[in-house]
Protein backbone atom coordinates (compact mmCIF):
# COMPACT_ATOMS: atom_id res chain seq x y z
CA MET A 1 42.39 164.88 314.65
CA PHE A 2 46.12 164.87 313.92
CA THR A 3 47.43 162.87 311.03
CA ILE A 4 50.92 160.98 311.13
CA GLN A 5 52.51 159.46 308.10
CA THR A 6 54.84 156.60 308.62
CA LEU A 7 57.56 156.39 306.06
CA ASN A 8 59.09 152.91 307.09
CA LYS A 9 57.61 150.00 308.91
CA ILE A 10 57.45 151.18 312.51
CA SER A 11 57.18 148.82 315.50
CA PRO A 12 53.54 148.22 316.52
CA VAL A 13 54.46 148.94 320.09
CA GLY A 14 55.49 152.49 319.07
CA MET A 15 52.33 153.02 316.90
CA ASP A 16 50.21 151.96 319.81
CA ILE A 17 51.31 155.20 321.59
CA PHE A 18 49.17 157.27 319.29
CA ASP A 19 45.55 157.53 320.62
CA LYS A 20 43.30 156.44 317.80
CA GLN A 21 40.77 158.82 318.85
CA LYS A 22 43.09 161.63 318.40
CA PHE A 23 45.57 160.42 315.73
CA LEU A 24 45.18 158.87 312.12
CA CYS A 25 48.39 157.18 311.09
CA GLY A 26 49.52 155.26 307.84
CA ASN A 27 51.94 155.50 305.04
CA GLU A 28 49.21 156.86 302.59
CA VAL A 29 48.12 159.77 304.94
CA ALA A 30 47.77 162.98 302.94
CA ASN A 31 48.77 166.40 304.41
CA PRO A 32 50.19 165.02 307.67
CA ASP A 33 50.81 167.05 310.74
CA GLY A 34 53.82 164.75 311.61
CA ILE A 35 56.06 162.17 310.01
CA ILE A 36 57.70 159.14 311.87
CA VAL A 37 60.57 157.69 309.88
CA ARG A 38 63.65 155.28 310.24
CA SER A 39 65.79 155.21 307.28
CA ALA A 40 63.85 156.50 304.28
CA SER A 41 65.33 159.70 302.82
CA LEU A 42 63.48 162.87 302.98
CA HIS A 43 65.95 165.06 301.00
CA GLU A 44 63.92 165.09 297.89
CA MET A 45 60.49 165.03 299.59
CA ALA A 46 58.16 167.98 299.25
CA PHE A 47 56.87 168.91 302.56
CA PRO A 48 53.25 170.03 302.83
CA PRO A 49 52.29 173.23 304.74
CA SER A 50 50.68 171.05 307.32
CA LEU A 51 53.76 169.43 308.49
CA LYS A 52 54.85 170.45 311.96
CA ALA A 53 57.22 167.70 313.05
CA ILE A 54 59.31 164.71 311.88
CA ALA A 55 60.44 162.07 314.30
CA ARG A 56 63.33 159.96 313.40
CA ALA A 57 63.10 156.58 315.19
CA GLY A 58 66.86 156.40 315.74
CA ALA A 59 69.85 158.71 316.63
CA GLY A 60 71.17 159.79 313.20
CA THR A 61 69.21 162.32 311.09
CA ASN A 62 71.36 162.30 307.93
CA ASN A 63 68.23 161.25 305.98
CA ILE A 64 66.46 164.48 306.82
CA PRO A 65 67.15 167.92 305.37
CA LEU A 66 67.67 169.94 308.65
CA ASP A 67 68.13 173.51 307.24
CA LYS A 68 65.10 173.01 305.01
CA CYS A 69 63.09 171.88 308.05
CA SER A 70 64.20 174.77 310.20
CA ASP A 71 63.49 177.32 307.56
CA ALA A 72 59.81 175.87 307.41
CA GLY A 73 59.36 175.72 311.16
CA ILE A 74 59.44 171.90 311.20
CA VAL A 75 60.84 170.45 314.36
CA VAL A 76 63.01 167.38 313.95
CA PHE A 77 63.26 164.82 316.63
CA ASN A 78 65.60 161.91 317.20
CA THR A 79 65.66 159.23 319.80
CA PRO A 80 69.05 159.42 321.66
CA GLY A 81 69.69 156.68 323.95
CA ALA A 82 66.85 154.48 322.73
CA ASN A 83 69.14 152.06 321.06
CA ALA A 84 72.07 152.49 323.41
CA ASN A 85 71.92 149.13 325.13
CA ALA A 86 72.00 147.29 321.73
CA VAL A 87 74.92 149.31 320.43
CA LYS A 88 76.70 148.76 323.71
CA GLU A 89 76.30 145.01 323.57
CA LEU A 90 77.69 144.91 319.96
CA THR A 91 80.49 147.16 320.91
CA LEU A 92 81.60 144.77 323.74
CA PHE A 93 81.21 141.78 321.28
CA GLY A 94 83.46 143.87 318.82
CA ILE A 95 86.06 144.36 321.53
CA LEU A 96 86.21 140.53 322.12
CA LEU A 97 85.97 139.72 318.35
CA SER A 98 88.90 141.95 317.67
CA ALA A 99 91.07 140.35 320.53
CA ARG A 100 90.23 136.66 320.11
CA ARG A 101 90.30 136.26 316.42
CA VAL A 102 87.05 134.34 316.63
CA TYR A 103 85.76 135.34 313.12
CA PRO A 104 88.93 134.17 311.06
CA ALA A 105 89.14 131.05 313.15
CA MET A 106 85.47 130.09 312.59
CA THR A 107 85.92 130.92 308.85
CA TRP A 108 88.97 128.53 308.56
CA VAL A 109 87.50 125.67 310.57
CA GLN A 110 84.50 125.55 308.04
CA SER A 111 87.14 124.76 305.41
CA LEU A 112 87.75 121.46 307.10
CA ALA A 113 84.35 120.05 306.17
CA GLY A 114 84.70 116.52 304.67
CA GLN A 115 88.05 115.59 306.20
CA GLY A 116 86.36 113.18 308.71
CA GLU A 117 88.38 111.93 311.61
CA GLU A 118 91.26 114.35 310.69
CA VAL A 119 89.26 117.26 311.82
CA PRO A 120 90.20 117.10 315.51
CA LYS A 121 93.76 116.66 314.68
CA LEU A 122 93.86 119.66 312.23
CA VAL A 123 92.19 121.84 314.70
CA GLU A 124 94.71 121.03 317.53
CA LYS A 125 97.62 121.45 315.01
CA GLU A 126 96.39 124.98 313.61
CA LYS A 127 94.67 126.53 316.63
CA GLY A 128 97.86 128.47 317.35
CA ARG A 129 97.27 130.60 314.21
CA PHE A 130 94.36 132.13 316.05
CA VAL A 131 95.70 133.10 319.46
CA GLY A 132 94.43 136.43 320.82
CA PRO A 133 94.82 138.31 324.02
CA GLU A 134 92.38 138.52 326.89
CA VAL A 135 90.86 141.96 327.63
CA LEU A 136 91.12 141.72 331.37
CA GLY A 137 93.65 144.35 332.52
CA LYS A 138 93.80 146.03 328.96
CA LYS A 139 93.19 149.67 328.62
CA LEU A 140 90.14 150.75 326.58
CA GLY A 141 89.70 154.40 325.27
CA VAL A 142 86.02 155.56 324.88
CA ILE A 143 85.76 158.82 322.82
CA GLY A 144 82.34 160.22 323.37
CA LEU A 145 80.50 159.83 326.50
CA GLY A 146 76.91 160.12 325.50
CA ALA A 147 74.26 157.51 326.23
CA ILE A 148 76.11 154.66 324.38
CA GLY A 149 79.68 155.74 325.40
CA VAL A 150 78.81 155.78 329.15
CA MET A 151 77.32 152.29 328.97
CA VAL A 152 80.28 150.97 327.09
CA ALA A 153 82.72 152.40 329.59
CA ASN A 154 80.87 151.13 332.60
CA ALA A 155 80.33 147.70 331.12
CA ALA A 156 84.03 147.46 329.99
CA ARG A 157 85.01 148.06 333.76
CA GLN A 158 82.88 145.04 334.79
CA LEU A 159 85.01 143.05 332.17
CA GLY A 160 88.11 144.05 334.07
CA MET A 161 89.40 146.62 331.57
CA GLU A 162 91.12 149.84 332.59
CA VAL A 163 88.99 152.51 330.89
CA TYR A 164 89.77 156.08 329.70
CA GLY A 165 86.89 158.25 328.61
CA TYR A 166 87.16 161.58 326.68
CA ASP A 167 84.47 163.89 325.99
CA PRO A 168 84.95 167.76 326.09
CA TYR A 169 81.00 168.22 325.94
CA LEU A 170 80.18 165.81 328.76
CA SER A 171 76.73 166.48 329.98
CA VAL A 172 75.51 166.46 333.55
CA ASP A 173 73.35 163.42 333.01
CA ALA A 174 76.28 161.44 331.60
CA ALA A 175 78.55 162.73 334.49
CA TRP A 176 76.03 161.21 336.98
CA ASN A 177 75.95 158.05 335.17
CA ILE A 178 79.49 157.20 334.51
CA SER A 179 81.51 155.12 337.01
CA ARG A 180 83.98 156.97 339.13
CA SER A 181 86.55 154.36 338.26
CA ILE A 182 86.70 155.56 334.68
CA HIS A 183 89.92 157.83 333.99
CA HIS A 184 88.77 161.32 332.76
CA ALA A 185 91.13 162.09 329.82
CA ALA A 186 91.60 165.64 329.30
CA THR A 187 92.52 165.13 325.55
CA ALA A 188 91.99 162.76 322.82
CA LYS A 189 95.76 162.51 322.61
CA GLU A 190 95.69 160.87 326.06
CA VAL A 191 93.53 158.28 325.00
CA TYR A 192 95.51 157.63 321.77
CA GLU A 193 98.74 157.30 323.67
CA ASN A 194 97.56 155.00 326.50
CA CYS A 195 94.85 152.53 325.11
CA ASP A 196 95.09 149.12 323.60
CA PHE A 197 91.48 149.40 322.37
CA ILE A 198 89.81 152.46 321.13
CA THR A 199 86.03 152.89 320.46
CA ILE A 200 84.34 156.06 319.17
CA HIS A 201 80.93 157.07 320.00
CA VAL A 202 80.48 160.73 318.70
CA PRO A 203 78.22 162.37 316.11
CA LEU A 204 79.38 163.18 312.70
CA THR A 205 80.05 166.69 312.32
CA GLY A 206 82.76 168.87 310.31
CA ASP A 207 84.94 168.68 313.28
CA THR A 208 84.74 164.87 313.75
CA ARG A 209 84.80 163.70 310.15
CA HIS A 210 87.88 161.53 309.56
CA MET A 211 88.98 162.34 313.28
CA ILE A 212 90.78 158.87 313.11
CA ASN A 213 93.32 159.49 310.45
CA SER A 214 97.04 159.13 309.86
CA GLU A 215 97.92 161.84 312.24
CA SER A 216 95.72 160.50 315.17
CA ILE A 217 96.86 156.88 314.54
CA ALA A 218 100.38 157.82 314.55
CA MET A 219 99.77 158.87 318.30
CA MET A 220 98.31 155.45 319.25
CA LYS A 221 100.05 152.34 320.72
CA HIS A 222 101.45 150.05 318.18
CA GLY A 223 99.01 147.20 317.54
CA VAL A 224 95.95 149.16 318.78
CA ARG A 225 92.36 147.83 317.98
CA ILE A 226 89.99 150.37 316.84
CA LEU A 227 86.09 150.13 316.81
CA ASN A 228 83.54 152.26 315.16
CA PHE A 229 79.88 151.77 315.84
CA ALA A 230 79.06 155.43 315.45
CA ARG A 231 79.42 156.56 311.89
CA GLY A 232 81.60 155.26 309.01
CA GLU A 233 82.89 158.70 308.03
CA LEU A 234 84.66 159.24 311.44
CA VAL A 235 87.46 157.12 310.19
CA SER A 236 89.50 157.73 307.08
CA ASN A 237 89.30 154.43 305.10
CA GLU A 238 92.46 155.09 303.30
CA ASP A 239 94.56 155.84 306.53
CA ILE A 240 93.05 153.03 308.40
CA LEU A 241 94.02 150.56 305.61
CA THR A 242 97.56 151.88 305.45
CA ALA A 243 97.85 151.62 309.34
CA LEU A 244 96.62 147.87 309.08
CA GLU A 245 99.20 147.07 306.44
CA GLU A 246 101.97 148.60 308.50
CA ARG A 247 100.59 146.80 311.66
CA GLN A 248 100.25 150.06 313.54
CA VAL A 249 96.65 149.11 313.90
CA ARG A 250 95.93 145.30 314.55
CA CYS A 251 92.31 145.29 313.88
CA TYR A 252 89.59 147.67 312.77
CA VAL A 253 85.97 146.66 313.59
CA THR A 254 83.31 148.74 311.81
CA ASP A 255 79.49 148.56 311.55
CA PHE A 256 79.77 150.58 308.36
CA PRO A 257 81.01 148.46 305.52
CA CYS A 258 82.04 149.99 302.14
CA ASP A 259 83.60 148.40 299.02
CA ALA A 260 87.14 149.84 300.08
CA LEU A 261 87.11 147.76 303.18
CA LEU A 262 85.76 144.54 302.10
CA GLY A 263 88.17 141.64 302.00
CA LYS A 264 91.01 143.64 303.61
CA PRO A 265 93.12 141.82 306.31
CA GLY A 266 92.48 143.16 309.71
CA VAL A 267 89.03 144.62 308.96
CA LEU A 268 86.07 143.01 310.74
CA ALA A 269 82.96 144.61 308.83
CA ILE A 270 79.53 144.13 310.33
CA PRO A 271 76.50 144.99 308.23
CA HIS A 272 75.14 147.88 310.27
CA LEU A 273 73.74 145.84 313.14
CA GLY A 274 74.24 148.18 315.99
CA ALA A 275 70.54 148.94 316.58
CA SER A 276 69.18 145.84 314.85
CA THR A 277 67.28 144.34 317.86
CA PRO A 278 63.49 144.14 318.46
CA GLU A 279 63.97 145.81 321.74
CA SER A 280 65.85 148.69 320.17
CA GLU A 281 63.27 149.15 317.54
CA ASP A 282 60.59 149.27 320.05
CA ASN A 283 62.34 151.64 322.24
CA CYS A 284 63.00 154.01 319.34
CA ALA A 285 59.39 153.88 317.94
CA CYS A 286 57.99 154.47 321.41
CA MET A 287 60.30 157.50 322.03
CA ALA A 288 59.55 158.86 318.57
CA ALA A 289 55.80 158.58 319.10
CA GLN A 290 55.86 160.13 322.43
CA GLU A 291 57.78 163.17 321.16
CA LEU A 292 55.33 163.63 318.29
CA VAL A 293 52.27 163.48 320.57
CA ASP A 294 53.71 165.79 323.20
CA TYR A 295 54.59 168.37 320.52
CA LEU A 296 51.42 168.23 318.50
CA GLU A 297 49.18 168.27 321.44
CA ASN A 298 51.11 170.67 323.98
CA GLY A 299 53.93 172.23 321.86
CA ASN A 300 56.66 170.73 324.03
CA ILE A 301 59.94 169.92 322.47
CA ARG A 302 62.38 167.16 323.63
CA ASN A 303 65.30 165.71 321.86
CA SER A 304 65.04 168.05 318.77
CA VAL A 305 68.14 168.28 316.53
CA ASN A 306 67.28 171.78 315.04
CA PHE A 307 65.31 173.59 317.63
CA PRO A 308 65.98 174.01 321.45
CA ASP A 309 64.30 171.70 323.89
CA VAL A 310 61.60 173.43 325.72
CA SER A 311 59.03 171.66 327.93
CA MET A 312 56.62 173.65 330.07
CA PRO A 313 53.57 172.25 332.02
CA ARG A 314 50.17 173.79 330.56
CA SER A 315 48.85 176.57 333.00
CA THR A 316 46.03 177.74 330.79
CA ARG A 317 43.86 176.34 328.21
CA THR A 318 45.46 178.36 325.38
CA ARG A 319 49.10 178.21 324.43
CA VAL A 320 50.88 180.22 321.84
CA ALA A 321 54.17 178.58 320.50
CA VAL A 322 56.54 180.66 318.23
CA LEU A 323 59.37 179.18 316.33
CA HIS A 324 61.75 181.94 315.20
CA ARG A 325 65.26 182.98 314.50
CA ASN A 326 67.54 183.71 317.31
CA VAL A 327 67.88 187.48 316.78
CA PRO A 328 67.24 190.37 319.11
CA ALA A 329 63.85 191.94 319.98
CA MET A 330 61.78 188.75 319.23
CA ILE A 331 60.42 188.30 322.58
CA SER A 332 59.25 191.88 322.82
CA GLY A 333 57.65 191.56 319.25
CA ILE A 334 55.81 188.47 320.29
CA THR A 335 54.69 189.92 323.62
CA ASN A 336 53.61 193.38 322.16
CA ALA A 337 51.44 191.55 319.48
CA LEU A 338 49.63 189.72 322.28
CA SER A 339 49.29 192.64 324.46
CA GLN A 340 47.84 194.78 321.69
CA ALA A 341 45.12 192.15 321.36
CA GLY A 342 44.30 192.51 325.07
CA ILE A 343 45.77 188.97 325.83
CA ASN A 344 47.46 188.42 329.26
CA ILE A 345 50.42 186.17 329.57
CA GLN A 346 50.25 183.80 332.34
CA ASN A 347 53.54 181.86 331.89
CA MET A 348 56.24 182.13 329.31
CA THR A 349 59.52 180.57 328.32
CA ASN A 350 62.15 181.04 325.66
CA LYS A 351 65.30 179.14 324.67
CA SER A 352 67.62 179.24 321.64
CA ARG A 353 69.73 176.61 319.80
CA ARG A 354 72.39 178.18 317.58
CA ASP A 355 70.51 180.24 314.94
CA MET A 356 66.83 179.12 316.19
CA ALA A 357 64.86 179.86 319.19
CA TYR A 358 61.45 178.83 320.55
CA THR A 359 59.09 181.04 322.67
CA VAL A 360 56.13 179.45 324.44
CA ALA A 361 53.35 181.43 326.16
CA ASP A 362 50.40 180.25 328.15
CA VAL A 363 47.80 183.06 327.96
CA ASP A 364 44.36 183.95 329.21
CA GLY A 365 41.60 184.25 326.73
CA THR A 366 41.24 183.26 323.13
CA VAL A 367 43.94 183.78 320.55
CA THR A 368 42.24 184.19 317.15
CA ASP A 369 43.90 183.21 313.76
CA ALA A 370 44.28 186.97 313.19
CA VAL A 371 46.34 187.34 316.12
CA ALA A 372 48.59 184.34 315.22
CA ASP A 373 48.84 185.98 311.64
CA ARG A 374 49.94 189.20 313.25
CA ILE A 375 52.77 187.21 315.12
CA ALA A 376 53.62 185.31 312.08
CA ALA A 377 54.18 188.53 310.23
CA ILE A 378 57.02 189.60 312.55
CA GLU A 379 60.18 189.61 310.75
CA ASN A 380 62.25 186.40 311.59
CA VAL A 381 59.27 184.45 312.89
CA VAL A 382 59.25 181.09 311.13
CA ARG A 383 56.05 179.60 312.40
CA VAL A 384 53.29 180.14 314.89
CA ASN A 385 51.30 177.18 316.35
CA LEU A 386 48.30 177.52 318.52
CA TYR A 387 47.18 174.98 321.22
CA ARG A 388 43.65 175.74 322.45
């Protein structure tokens, strides 16, 4: 029986994925084979030798020590796209909110409480303070055309916006899903120079940290509205506040509040509600559970952030799966160890992801623990898992 430790409250719909005849789940489980987590930090957690995989019910994995996991042969999964519709809807709401000045208008109207019959008169007198443009015909720039960015771009076209999309790493799947009416921008500069609204949907990396800064803002149209429902650190708070004071940026909508932004004119801060829908929580939990089940039962990897995705139908009863460094002669070392034990390989695949690689072999016969130990002793092998 496999054991799964839950470090947060996980949607019951997702937990139902685990067959109770095969999986024991709970937050007090000792020596787990897998962990399913949402926001709990694992950076200070001591991982037991039994731990083979961690599934994050969400897209971001900043709460998980990826290098530590890779060194221990622990596969880390996330759930890209599971919360995409929820974030898409909030992004569209953010576009409208930034344009029509609804939030300051609603805040102001509450101040009229107690003024009786004067309220309608005051509303008519002061409503001009909150005039904002329609989005029909305006230009929206979408930076990052992953699952969320594509959905935002397509939906914005339905609102009548002219959409520019930029993503130098556009995947084949995303390319199939994106509307033909989206302008394919060759550079981020093209988006900055042309668009009235700009929304960013990229992961946080060394290259994307503070990608919205004084230099990029200077390229943008005067009065641009910027939306950030991806990661707070993608935008330089200092530079965005300066741009708001100078009116170069008309409004900044962010799902990542911090003290520096609160109470500042032009900032619309939302308390990280992008994926906070029951549907999103169910979708993320289901995908995370399915990833753990397929890996623990079959060794298949899908949506890993630290090892390559490898999925191969079982062709024999016994499967040998080797997590290793992406260095020369690894495959020959693994196959030689199996050959010396008189084990025939029926089917095999190997893929790499940056410094790490994964080799899966379906074999005839029984692979003993001694054979697995022999493979594990090969230099640069991180972990060997047997499925039999």
